[in-house]
PDB file of N, CA and C in Angstrom:
ATOM      1  N   MET A   1      -3.918  -3.395  14.455  1.00  0.00           N
ATOM      2  CA  MET A   1      -2.778  -2.543  15.222  1.00  0.00           C
ATOM      3  C   MET A   1      -3.399  -1.571  13.878  1.00  0.00           C
ATOM      4  N   LYS A   2      -2.978  -0.453  14.309  1.00  0.00           N
ATOM      5  CA  LYS A   2      -2.733   0.929  13.260  1.00  0.00           C
ATOM      6  C   LYS A   2      -1.041   1.505  13.440  1.00  0.00           C
ATOM      7  N   ILE A   3      -1.335   2.733  12.876  1.00  0.00           N
ATOM      8  CA  ILE A   3      -0.462   3.748  13.111  1.00  0.00           C
ATOM      9  C   ILE A   3      -0.833   4.645  12.166  1.00  0.00           C
ATOM     10  N   LYS A   4      -0.271   6.420  13.173  1.00  0.00           N
ATOM     11  CA  LYS A   4      -0.317   7.318  11.626  1.00  0.00           C
ATOM     12  C   LYS A   4       1.254   7.248  11.095  1.00  0.00           C
ATOM     13  N   LEU A   5       0.032   7.830  10.445  1.00  0.00           N
ATOM     14  CA  LEU A   5       1.827   7.966   9.067  1.00  0.00           C
ATOM     15  C   LEU A   5       2.832   9.084  10.157  1.00  0.00           C
ATOM     16  N   SER A   6       2.382   9.857  10.332  1.00  0.00           N
ATOM     17  CA  SER A   6       3.027  10.517  11.033  1.00  0.00           C
ATOM     18  C   SER A   6       4.268  10.475  11.820  1.00  0.00           C
ATOM     19  N   GLU A   7       3.818   9.502  12.068  1.00  0.00           N
ATOM     20  CA  GLU A   7       4.280   8.688  13.422  1.00  0.00           C
ATOM     21  C   GLU A   7       5.891   7.097  13.179  1.00  0.00           C
ATOM     22  N   LEU A   8       4.770   7.074  11.498  1.00  0.00           N
ATOM     23  CA  LEU A   8       5.780   6.024  10.344  1.00  0.00           C
ATOM     24  C   LEU A   8       7.324   7.663  10.015  1.00  0.00           C
ATOM     25  N   ARG A   9       6.478   8.498   9.848  1.00  0.00           N
ATOM     26  CA  ARG A   9       7.614   9.715   9.723  1.00  0.00           C
ATOM     27  C   ARG A   9       8.958   9.710  10.409  1.00  0.00           C
ATOM     28  N   ARG A  10       8.640   9.662  11.672  1.00  0.00           N
ATOM     29  CA  ARG A  10       9.949   9.384  12.976  1.00  0.00           C
ATOM     30  C   ARG A  10      10.415   8.045  13.133  1.00  0.00           C
ATOM     31  N   LEU A  11      10.365   7.318  12.356  1.00  0.00           N
ATOM     32  CA  LEU A  11      11.640   5.810  13.097  1.00  0.00           C
ATOM     33  C   LEU A  11      12.321   6.659  11.489  1.00  0.00           C
ATOM     34  N   ASN A  12      13.515   6.219  11.853  1.00  0.00           N
ATOM     35  CA  ASN A  12      14.438   5.273  11.234  1.00  0.00           C
ATOM     36  C   ASN A  12      14.263   4.932  10.284  1.00  0.00           C
ATOM     37  N   PHE A  13      13.380   3.338   9.647  1.00  0.00           N
ATOM     38  CA  PHE A  13      13.594   3.021   9.203  1.00  0.00           C
ATOM     39  C   PHE A  13      11.911   1.694   8.901  1.00  0.00           C
ATOM     40  N   VAL A  14      11.622   1.726   8.061  1.00  0.00           N
ATOM     41  CA  VAL A  14       9.808   0.767   7.717  1.00  0.00           C
ATOM     42  C   VAL A  14      10.449  -0.135   6.670  1.00  0.00           C
ATOM     43  N   GLU A  15      10.129  -0.922   7.643  1.00  0.00           N
ATOM     44  CA  GLU A  15      10.911  -2.617   7.360  1.00  0.00           C
ATOM     45  C   GLU A  15      10.233  -2.980   5.722  1.00  0.00           C
ATOM     46  N   LYS A  16       8.585  -2.500   5.548  1.00  0.00           N
ATOM     47  CA  LYS A  16       7.948  -3.005   4.165  1.00  0.00           C
ATOM     48  C   LYS A  16       6.066  -2.305   4.156  1.00  0.00           C
ATOM     49  N   VAL A  17       6.189  -1.194   3.486  1.00  0.00           N
ATOM     50  CA  VAL A  17       4.769  -0.713   2.912  1.00  0.00           C
ATOM     51  C   VAL A  17       4.333  -1.433   1.967  1.00  0.00           C
ATOM     52  N   THR A  18       2.570  -2.163   2.536  1.00  0.00           N
ATOM     53  CA  THR A  18       2.445  -2.506   1.338  1.00  0.00           C
ATOM     54  C   THR A  18       0.415  -2.342   1.079  1.00  0.00           C
ATOM     55  N   LEU A  19       0.341  -2.000  -0.105  1.00  0.00           N
ATOM     56  CA  LEU A  19      -0.811  -0.956  -0.400  1.00  0.00           C
ATOM     57  C   LEU A  19      -1.975  -2.281  -1.060  1.00  0.00           C
ATOM     58  N   HIS A  20      -2.932  -2.673  -0.361  1.00  0.00           N
ATOM     59  CA  HIS A  20      -3.795  -3.402  -0.609  1.00  0.00           C
ATOM     60  C   HIS A  20      -4.681  -3.468  -1.744  1.00  0.00           C
ATOM     61  N   CYS A  21      -4.103  -4.264  -2.820  1.00  0.00           N
ATOM     62  CA  CYS A  21      -6.012  -3.604  -3.411  1.00  0.00           C
ATOM     63  C   CYS A  21      -6.838  -4.731  -3.693  1.00  0.00           C
ATOM     64  N   HIS A  22      -7.696  -3.272  -3.466  1.00  0.00           N
ATOM     65  CA  HIS A  22      -9.683  -3.855  -2.936  1.00  0.00           C
ATOM     66  C   HIS A  22     -10.339  -3.808  -4.517  1.00  0.00           C
ATOM     67  N   ASP A  23     -11.652  -4.016  -3.598  1.00  0.00           N
ATOM     68  CA  ASP A  23     -12.314  -3.763  -5.279  1.00  0.00           C
ATOM     69  C   ASP A  23     -12.831  -2.648  -5.741  1.00  0.00           C
ATOM     70  N   GLN A  24     -13.305  -2.421  -6.598  1.00  0.00           N
ATOM     71  CA  GLN A  24     -13.288  -1.010  -7.521  1.00  0.00           C
ATOM     72  C   GLN A  24     -12.083  -0.646  -7.777  1.00  0.00           C
ATOM     73  N   SER A  25     -10.143  -0.821  -6.812  1.00  0.00           N
ATOM     74  CA  SER A  25      -8.893   0.044  -7.158  1.00  0.00           C
ATOM     75  C   SER A  25      -9.259   0.215  -5.792  1.00  0.00           C
ATOM     76  N   LEU A  26      -9.499   0.230  -5.096  1.00  0.00           N
ATOM     77  CA  LEU A  26      -9.899   0.403  -4.007  1.00  0.00           C
ATOM     78  C   LEU A  26      -8.396   0.012  -2.403  1.00  0.00           C
ATOM     79  N   TYR A  27      -7.124   1.073  -3.000  1.00  0.00           N
ATOM     80  CA  TYR A  27      -6.143   0.546  -2.385  1.00  0.00           C
ATOM     81  C   TYR A  27      -6.479   1.254  -1.023  1.00  0.00           C
ATOM     82  N   LEU A  28      -5.561   0.495  -0.052  1.00  0.00           N
ATOM     83  CA  LEU A  28      -5.009   0.988   1.483  1.00  0.00           C
ATOM     84  C   LEU A  28      -4.034   0.318   1.663  1.00  0.00           C
ATOM     85  N   VAL A  29      -3.745   0.835   3.223  1.00  0.00           N
ATOM     86  CA  VAL A  29      -1.620   0.530   2.961  1.00  0.00           C
ATOM     87  C   VAL A  29      -1.528   0.166   4.183  1.00  0.00           C
ATOM     88  N   SER A  30      -1.286  -0.612   4.381  1.00  0.00           N
ATOM     89  CA  SER A  30       0.230  -1.087   5.578  1.00  0.00           C
ATOM     90  C   SER A  30       1.158  -1.590   5.653  1.00  0.00           C
ATOM     91  N   ALA A  31       1.596  -0.758   6.884  1.00  0.00           N
ATOM     92  CA  ALA A  31       3.264  -0.923   7.386  1.00  0.00           C
ATOM     93  C   ALA A  31       4.135  -1.812   7.797  1.00  0.00           C
ATOM     94  N   ARG A  32       4.472  -2.601   8.245  1.00  0.00           N
ATOM     95  CA  ARG A  32       5.745  -3.960   8.407  1.00  0.00           C
ATOM     96  C   ARG A  32       6.596  -2.641   9.703  1.00  0.00           C
ATOM     97  N   ILE A  33       6.445  -3.204  11.082  1.00  0.00           N
ATOM     98  CA  ILE A  33       7.628  -1.804  12.149  1.00  0.00           C
ATOM     99  C   ILE A  33       7.962  -3.600  12.616  1.00  0.00           C
ATOM    100  N   ASP A  34       9.247  -3.970  12.906  1.00  0.00           N
ATOM    101  CA  ASP A  34       9.357  -4.830  14.188  1.00  0.00           C
ATOM    102  C   ASP A  34       8.182  -6.069  13.750  1.00  0.00           C
ATOM    103  N   ASN A  35       8.414  -6.882  12.644  1.00  0.00           N
ATOM    104  CA  ASN A  35       8.300  -7.578  11.845  1.00  0.00           C
ATOM    105  C   ASN A  35       6.220  -7.658  12.477  1.00  0.00           C
ATOM    106  N   ALA A  36       5.665  -6.473  12.213  1.00  0.00           N
ATOM    107  CA  ALA A  36       3.862  -6.575  12.705  1.00  0.00           C
ATOM    108  C   ALA A  36       3.505  -5.631  12.095  1.00  0.00           C
ATOM    109  N   GLU A  37       2.862  -5.891  10.913  1.00  0.00           N
ATOM    110  CA  GLU A  37       1.827  -5.629  10.100  1.00  0.00           C
ATOM    111  C   GLU A  37       1.129  -4.585  10.556  1.00  0.00           C
ATOM    112  N   ARG A  38       0.653  -3.143  10.368  1.00  0.00           N
ATOM    113  CA  ARG A  38       0.085  -1.975  11.335  1.00  0.00           C
ATOM    114  C   ARG A  38      -0.307  -1.183  10.047  1.00  0.00           C
ATOM    115  N   TYR A  39      -1.963  -1.214  10.183  1.00  0.00           N
ATOM    116  CA  TYR A  39      -2.638  -0.006   9.013  1.00  0.00           C
ATOM    117  C   TYR A  39      -2.308   0.572   8.959  1.00  0.00           C
ATOM    118  N   VAL A  40      -1.903   1.844   7.596  1.00  0.00           N
ATOM    119  CA  VAL A  40      -1.972   3.167   8.402  1.00  0.00           C
ATOM    120  C   VAL A  40      -2.694   4.357   8.340  1.00  0.00           C
ATOM    121  N   THR A  41      -2.662   5.603   9.544  1.00  0.00           N
ATOM    122  CA  THR A  41      -4.028   6.399   9.488  1.00  0.00           C
ATOM    123  C   THR A  41      -3.853   7.642   8.835  1.00  0.00           C
ATOM    124  N   ASP A  42      -4.964   8.835   8.738  1.00  0.00           N
ATOM    125  CA  ASP A  42      -4.284  10.596   8.774  1.00  0.00           C
ATOM    126  C   ASP A  42      -4.275  10.212  10.479  1.00  0.00           C
ATOM    127  N   GLU A  43      -4.765  11.345  10.773  1.00  0.00           N
ATOM    128  CA  GLU A  43      -4.434  12.278  12.503  1.00  0.00           C
ATOM    129  C   GLU A  43      -4.899  11.931  13.212  1.00  0.00           C
ATOM    130  N   GLN A  44      -6.757  11.393  12.249  1.00  0.00           N
ATOM    131  CA  GLN A  44      -8.142  11.508  13.006  1.00  0.00           C
ATOM    132  C   GLN A  44      -8.258  10.197  13.168  1.00  0.00           C
ATOM    133  N   GLY A  45      -7.439   8.886  12.543  1.00  0.00           N
ATOM    134  CA  GLY A  45      -7.499   7.618  13.119  1.00  0.00           C
ATOM    135  C   GLY A  45      -8.326   7.625  11.636  1.00  0.00           C
ATOM    136  N   ASN A  46      -8.332   8.295  10.801  1.00  0.00           N
ATOM    137  CA  ASN A  46      -8.716   7.614   9.253  1.00  0.00           C
ATOM    138  C   ASN A  46      -8.378   6.423   8.780  1.00  0.00           C
ATOM    139  N   PHE A  47      -8.634   5.159   8.304  1.00  0.00           N
ATOM    140  CA  PHE A  47      -7.806   4.575   7.250  1.00  0.00           C
ATOM    141  C   PHE A  47      -6.838   5.592   6.025  1.00  0.00           C
ATOM    142  N   LEU A  48      -5.663   4.816   6.086  1.00  0.00           N
ATOM    143  CA  LEU A  48      -4.692   6.088   4.637  1.00  0.00           C
ATOM    144  C   LEU A  48      -5.657   5.100   3.529  1.00  0.00           C
ATOM    145  N   LYS A  49      -6.357   5.166   3.012  1.00  0.00           N
ATOM    146  CA  LYS A  49      -6.445   4.768   1.693  1.00  0.00           C
ATOM    147  C   LYS A  49      -7.414   5.873   0.136  1.00  0.00           C
ATOM    148  N   SER A  50      -6.835   5.262  -1.250  1.00  0.00           N
ATOM    149  CA  SER A  50      -7.559   6.314  -2.100  1.00  0.00           C
ATOM    150  C   SER A  50      -7.282   5.626  -2.806  1.00  0.00           C
ATOM    151  N   PHE A  51      -8.246   5.885  -4.524  1.00  0.00           N
ATOM    152  CA  PHE A  51      -8.584   5.311  -5.733  1.00  0.00           C
ATOM    153  C   PHE A  51      -7.362   5.189  -6.018  1.00  0.00           C
ATOM    154  N   ASN A  52      -6.162   5.861  -6.410  1.00  0.00           N
ATOM    155  CA  ASN A  52      -4.558   6.517  -6.681  1.00  0.00           C
ATOM    156  C   ASN A  52      -3.763   5.963  -6.361  1.00  0.00           C
ATOM    157  N   LYS A  53      -2.840   4.743  -7.047  1.00  0.00           N
ATOM    158  CA  LYS A  53      -2.174   4.273  -5.999  1.00  0.00           C
ATOM    159  C   LYS A  53      -0.252   4.885  -5.826  1.00  0.00           C
ATOM    160  N   LEU A  54       0.094   6.101  -6.706  1.00  0.00           N
ATOM    161  CA  LEU A  54       0.651   6.885  -7.033  1.00  0.00           C
ATOM    162  C   LEU A  54       0.228   8.001  -5.656  1.00  0.00           C
ATOM    163  N   GLU A  55      -1.084   8.110  -5.715  1.00  0.00           N
ATOM    164  CA  GLU A  55      -1.029   9.012  -4.928  1.00  0.00           C
ATOM    165  C   GLU A  55      -0.337   8.369  -3.793  1.00  0.00           C
ATOM    166  N   LEU A  56      -0.679   7.240  -3.063  1.00  0.00           N
ATOM    167  CA  LEU A  56      -0.296   7.021  -2.108  1.00  0.00           C
ATOM    168  C   LEU A  56       1.164   6.425  -1.907  1.00  0.00           C
ATOM    169  N   GLN A  57       1.936   6.365  -2.727  1.00  0.00           N
ATOM    170  CA  GLN A  57       2.972   6.369  -2.606  1.00  0.00           C
ATOM    171  C   GLN A  57       3.764   6.956  -2.668  1.00  0.00           C
ATOM    172  N   SER A  58       3.429   8.826  -3.199  1.00  0.00           N
ATOM    173  CA  SER A  58       4.209  10.555  -2.827  1.00  0.00           C
ATOM    174  C   SER A  58       4.131  10.267  -1.485  1.00  0.00           C
ATOM    175  N   LYS A  59       3.038  10.284  -0.418  1.00  0.00           N
ATOM    176  CA  LYS A  59       2.700  10.415   1.109  1.00  0.00           C
ATOM    177  C   LYS A  59       4.635   9.444   1.331  1.00  0.00           C
ATOM    178  N   PHE A  60       5.118   9.199   0.787  1.00  0.00           N
ATOM    179  CA  PHE A  60       5.815   8.125   1.348  1.00  0.00           C
ATOM    180  C   PHE A  60       7.919   8.936   1.487  1.00  0.00           C
ATOM    181  N   LYS A  61       7.468  10.606   0.740  1.00  0.00           N
ATOM    182  CA  LYS A  61       8.174  10.735   0.626  1.00  0.00           C
ATOM    183  C   LYS A  61       9.548  10.811   1.611  1.00  0.00           C
ATOM    184  N   GLY A  62      10.615  10.692   1.748  1.00  0.00           N
ATOM    185  CA  GLY A  62      11.459  11.224   3.474  1.00  0.00           C
ATOM    186  C   GLY A  62      11.247   9.698   4.310  1.00  0.00           C
ATOM    187  N   ILE A  63      10.922   8.880   3.369  1.00  0.00           N
ATOM    188  CA  ILE A  63      10.949   8.013   4.838  1.00  0.00           C
ATOM    189  C   ILE A  63      11.156   6.267   3.712  1.00  0.00           C
ATOM    190  N   THR A  64      13.018   6.714   4.922  1.00  0.00           N
ATOM    191  CA  THR A  64      12.845   5.548   4.447  1.00  0.00           C
ATOM    192  C   THR A  64      12.526   3.702   4.347  1.00  0.00           C
ATOM    193  N   VAL A  65      12.070   2.926   3.299  1.00  0.00           N
ATOM    194  CA  VAL A  65      11.273   2.271   3.052  1.00  0.00           C
ATOM    195  C   VAL A  65      11.571   1.342   2.703  1.00  0.00           C
ATOM    196  N   GLY A  66      11.552  -0.572   3.137  1.00  0.00           N
ATOM    197  CA  GLY A  66      13.385  -1.131   3.015  1.00  0.00           C
ATOM    198  C   GLY A  66      12.703  -2.256   1.381  1.00  0.00           C
ATOM    199  N   GLU A  67      10.824  -2.450   1.553  1.00  0.00           N
ATOM    200  CA  GLU A  67      10.009  -2.655   0.389  1.00  0.00           C
ATOM    201  C   GLU A  67       8.695  -1.880  -0.163  1.00  0.00           C
ATOM    202  N   MET A  68       8.376  -1.610  -0.532  1.00  0.00           N
ATOM    203  CA  MET A  68       6.812  -1.315  -1.343  1.00  0.00           C
ATOM    204  C   MET A  68       5.948  -2.879  -2.673  1.00  0.00           C
ATOM    205  N   VAL A  69       5.478  -3.152  -1.509  1.00  0.00           N
ATOM    206  CA  VAL A  69       4.238  -4.013  -2.324  1.00  0.00           C
ATOM    207  C   VAL A  69       2.922  -3.574  -2.120  1.00  0.00           C
ATOM    208  N   LEU A  70       2.583  -3.502  -3.490  1.00  0.00           N
ATOM    209  CA  LEU A  70       1.839  -4.473  -4.083  1.00  0.00           C
ATOM    210  C   LEU A  70       0.410  -5.538  -3.647  1.00  0.00           C
ATOM    211  N   ARG A  71      -0.242  -6.008  -2.722  1.00  0.00           N
ATOM    212  CA  ARG A  71      -1.267  -7.230  -2.116  1.00  0.00           C
ATOM    213  C   ARG A  71      -2.301  -6.807  -2.781  1.00  0.00           C
ATOM    214  N   HIS A  72      -2.687  -7.924  -3.555  1.00  0.00           N
ATOM    215  CA  HIS A  72      -4.383  -7.673  -4.189  1.00  0.00           C
ATOM    216  C   HIS A  72      -4.474 -10.167  -3.808  1.00  0.00           C
ATOM    217  N   GLN A  73      -5.935  -9.550  -2.955  1.00  0.00           N
ATOM    218  CA  GLN A  73      -6.108 -10.994  -2.989  1.00  0.00           C
ATOM    219  C   GLN A  73      -7.758 -11.278  -3.604  1.00  0.00           C
ATOM    220  N   SER A  74      -7.672 -11.740  -4.501  1.00  0.00           N
ATOM    221  CA  SER A  74      -8.942 -12.233  -5.271  1.00  0.00           C
ATOM    222  C   SER A  74     -10.208 -13.122  -4.777  1.00  0.00           C
ATOM    223  N   PRO A  75     -11.465 -12.594  -4.360  1.00  0.00           N
ATOM    224  CA  PRO A  75     -12.203 -13.466  -3.152  1.00  0.00           C
ATOM    225  C   PRO A  75     -13.551 -14.741  -4.682  1.00  0.00           C
ATOM    226  N   TYR A  76     -13.038 -14.308  -5.469  1.00  0.00           N
ATOM    227  CA  TYR A  76     -12.707 -14.574  -6.855  1.00  0.00           C
ATOM    228  C   TYR A  76     -13.462 -15.673  -7.250  1.00  0.00           C
ATOM    229  N   ASP A  77     -12.222 -17.245  -7.042  1.00  0.00           N
ATOM    230  CA  ASP A  77     -12.077 -18.101  -7.424  1.00  0.00           C
ATOM    231  C   ASP A  77     -12.872 -19.520  -8.198  1.00  0.00           C
ATOM    232  N   GLU A  78     -13.494 -19.687  -6.979  1.00  0.00           N
ATOM    233  CA  GLU A  78     -15.203 -20.261  -8.070  1.00  0.00           C
ATOM    234  C   GLU A  78     -15.957 -19.386  -9.194  1.00  0.00           C
ATOM    235  N   MET A  79     -16.287 -18.225  -9.435  1.00  0.00           N
ATOM    236  CA  MET A  79     -16.021 -17.094 -10.252  1.00  0.00           C
ATOM    237  C   MET A  79     -15.467 -17.832 -11.978  1.00  0.00           C
ATOM    238  N   ILE A  80     -13.821 -18.649 -11.692  1.00  0.00           N
ATOM    239  CA  ILE A  80     -13.563 -19.287 -12.887  1.00  0.00           C
ATOM    240  C   ILE A  80     -12.622 -21.291 -12.692  1.00  0.00           C
ATOM    241  N   GLY A  81     -13.619 -21.732 -11.286  1.00  0.00           N
ATOM    242  CA  GLY A  81     -13.694 -22.495 -12.022  1.00  0.00           C
ATOM    243  C   GLY A  81     -12.919 -23.023 -10.782  1.00  0.00           C
ATOM    244  N   LEU A  82     -12.269 -22.623  -9.832  1.00  0.00           N
ATOM    245  CA  LEU A  82     -11.894 -22.926  -8.910  1.00  0.00           C
ATOM    246  C   LEU A  82     -12.426 -22.937  -7.637  1.00  0.00           C
ATOM    247  N   SER A  83     -12.201 -23.843  -6.834  1.00  0.00           N
ATOM    248  CA  SER A  83     -12.663 -24.770  -5.563  1.00  0.00           C
ATOM    249  C   SER A  83     -12.959 -24.221  -5.089  1.00  0.00           C
ATOM    250  N   GLU A  84     -14.473 -24.449  -4.473  1.00  0.00           N
ATOM    251  CA  GLU A  84     -14.604 -22.712  -3.619  1.00  0.00           C
ATOM    252  C   GLU A  84     -14.297 -23.383  -2.010  1.00  0.00           C
ATOM    253  N   GLU A  85     -12.789 -24.413  -2.173  1.00  0.00           N
ATOM    254  CA  GLU A  85     -12.226 -24.507  -1.000  1.00  0.00           C
ATOM    255  C   GLU A  85     -11.323 -22.886   0.166  1.00  0.00           C
ATOM    256  N   PRO A  86     -11.242 -22.828   1.071  1.00  0.00           N
ATOM    257  CA  PRO A  86     -10.766 -22.040   1.592  1.00  0.00           C
ATOM    258  C   PRO A  86      -9.212 -21.659   0.800  1.00  0.00           C
ATOM    259  N   SER A  87      -9.136 -20.953  -0.143  1.00  0.00           N
ATOM    260  CA  SER A  87      -6.833 -21.585  -0.208  1.00  0.00           C
ATOM    261  C   SER A  87      -6.679 -19.760  -0.335  1.00  0.00           C
ATOM    262  N   ASN A  88      -4.942 -19.938  -0.013  1.00  0.00           N
ATOM    263  CA  ASN A  88      -4.748 -18.689   0.367  1.00  0.00           C
ATOM    264  C   ASN A  88      -3.678 -17.669  -1.023  1.00  0.00           C
ATOM    265  N   ASN A  89      -4.765 -17.159  -2.022  1.00  0.00           N
ATOM    266  CA  ASN A  89      -4.594 -16.982  -3.300  1.00  0.00           C
ATOM    267  C   ASN A  89      -3.778 -15.238  -3.054  1.00  0.00           C
ATOM    268  N   THR A  90      -2.813 -15.025  -2.499  1.00  0.00           N
ATOM    269  CA  THR A  90      -2.988 -13.616  -3.094  1.00  0.00           C
ATOM    270  C   THR A  90      -0.945 -13.621  -3.444  1.00  0.00           C
ATOM    271  N   LEU A  91      -1.309 -13.021  -3.787  1.00  0.00           N
ATOM    272  CA  LEU A  91      -1.127 -12.327  -5.181  1.00  0.00           C
ATOM    273  C   LEU A  91      -0.058 -10.567  -4.717  1.00  0.00           C
ATOM    274  N   GLU A  92       1.030 -10.717  -4.682  1.00  0.00           N
ATOM    275  CA  GLU A  92       2.167  -9.305  -4.160  1.00  0.00           C
ATOM    276  C   GLU A  92       3.341  -9.708  -5.251  1.00  0.00           C
ATOM    277  N   VAL A  93       3.384  -7.627  -5.703  1.00  0.00           N
ATOM    278  CA  VAL A  93       4.496  -7.675  -6.731  1.00  0.00           C
ATOM    279  C   VAL A  93       5.008  -6.034  -6.217  1.00  0.00           C
ATOM    280  N   LEU A  94       6.658  -6.558  -6.115  1.00  0.00           N
ATOM    281  CA  LEU A  94       6.866  -5.940  -5.413  1.00  0.00           C
ATOM    282  C   LEU A  94       6.808  -4.113  -6.622  1.00  0.00           C
ATOM    283  N   ILE A  95       7.454  -3.185  -5.669  1.00  0.00           N
ATOM    284  CA  ILE A  95       6.634  -2.093  -6.910  1.00  0.00           C
ATOM    285  C   ILE A  95       7.711  -1.051  -5.914  1.00  0.00           C
ATOM    286  N   GLY A  96       7.921  -0.116  -7.592  1.00  0.00           N
ATOM    287  CA  GLY A  96       9.084   1.341  -6.783  1.00  0.00           C
ATOM    288  C   GLY A  96       7.788   1.799  -5.225  1.00  0.00           C
ATOM    289  N   GLY A  97       9.503   2.600  -5.066  1.00  0.00           N
ATOM    290  CA  GLY A  97       8.965   3.572  -3.841  1.00  0.00           C
ATOM    291  C   GLY A  97       8.316   5.213  -4.773  1.00  0.00           C
ATOM    292  N   GLU A  98       8.547   5.618  -3.628  1.00  0.00           N
ATOM    293  CA  GLU A  98       8.136   7.336  -3.539  1.00  0.00           C
ATOM    294  C   GLU A  98       8.808   7.344  -5.307  1.00  0.00           C
ATOM    295  N   ALA A  99       9.666   6.957  -5.047  1.00  0.00           N
ATOM    296  CA  ALA A  99      10.844   7.839  -6.867  1.00  0.00           C
ATOM    297  C   ALA A  99      10.268   7.888  -7.867  1.00  0.00           C
ATOM    298  N   TYR A 100       8.761   7.002  -7.936  1.00  0.00           N
ATOM    299  CA  TYR A 100       7.829   6.709  -9.038  1.00  0.00           C
ATOM    300  C   TYR A 100       7.361   7.192  -9.545  1.00  0.00           C
ATOM    301  N   ALA A 101       6.590   7.320  -8.310  1.00  0.00           N
ATOM    302  CA  ALA A 101       5.799   9.129  -8.308  1.00  0.00           C
ATOM    303  C   ALA A 101       5.748   9.627  -8.785  1.00  0.00           C
ATOM    304  N   LEU A 102       4.191   9.895  -9.661  1.00  0.00           N
ATOM    305  CA  LEU A 102       4.376  11.514  -9.692  1.00  0.00           C
ATOM    306  C   LEU A 102       4.419  12.408  -8.644  1.00  0.00           C
ATOM    307  N   GLN A 103       4.652  13.613  -9.199  1.00  0.00           N
ATOM    308  CA  GLN A 103       4.545  14.675  -8.223  1.00  0.00           C
ATOM    309  C   GLN A 103       4.222  15.819  -8.581  1.00  0.00           C
ATOM    310  N   PRO A 104       3.220  16.941  -7.698  1.00  0.00           N
ATOM    311  CA  PRO A 104       3.196  17.915  -8.730  1.00  0.00           C
ATOM    312  C   PRO A 104       3.294  18.476  -9.275  1.00  0.00           C
ATOM    313  N   GLY A 105       3.304  18.737 -11.274  1.00  0.00           N
ATOM    314  CA  GLY A 105       3.458  19.488 -11.217  1.00  0.00           C
ATOM    315  C   GLY A 105       4.033  18.835 -12.386  1.00  0.00           C
ATOM    316  N   ASP A 106       4.312  17.092 -11.976  1.00  0.00           N
ATOM    317  CA  ASP A 106       5.285  16.238 -13.855  1.00  0.00           C
ATOM    318  C   ASP A 106       4.228  16.133 -14.660  1.00  0.00           C
ATOM    319  N   SER A 107       2.975  16.317 -15.022  1.00  0.00           N
ATOM    320  CA  SER A 107       2.284  15.915 -15.628  1.00  0.00           C
ATOM    321  C   SER A 107       2.453  16.282 -17.428  1.00  0.00           C
ATOM    322  N   ASP A 108       2.924  16.999 -17.410  1.00  0.00           N
ATOM    323  CA  ASP A 108       3.783  17.303 -18.784  1.00  0.00           C
ATOM    324  C   ASP A 108       4.878  16.483 -19.164  1.00  0.00           C
ATOM    325  N   ARG A 109       5.295  15.341 -17.749  1.00  0.00           N
ATOM    326  CA  ARG A 109       6.489  14.301 -18.035  1.00  0.00           C
ATOM    327  C   ARG A 109       6.537  13.364 -19.204  1.00  0.00           C
ATOM    328  N   LEU A 110       4.288  13.775 -19.386  1.00  0.00           N
ATOM    329  CA  LEU A 110       3.344  12.181 -19.777  1.00  0.00           C
ATOM    330  C   LEU A 110       3.489  11.846 -21.383  1.00  0.00           C
ATOM    331  N   ASN A 111       3.909  13.691 -21.362  1.00  0.00           N
ATOM    332  CA  ASN A 111       3.983  14.188 -23.241  1.00  0.00           C
ATOM    333  C   ASN A 111       5.011  13.560 -23.813  1.00  0.00           C
TER     334      ASN A 111
END
């Protein structure tokens, strides 16, 4: 199931935002609303995605989010000697919200 970013902006509260980390550092975004996880899209219905997680975090500025997490599931267990049997190896880490994301003009803070 999907939800547009503009629809999220109209909500009072989003329970959880998840940045899904895929191969080559591609991130997709989902949001949990009323205990249902939905992938977030732009106005054209395309998945909200980026190679920059901070860029995605900044899209949630002004939206009240309960928690924001980074989720990674590795398909390579057998390459490191683990069983080839299907297993849940999900790593989920709590990350800061949009307040920690760099905003335009903030690059001078890094120096």
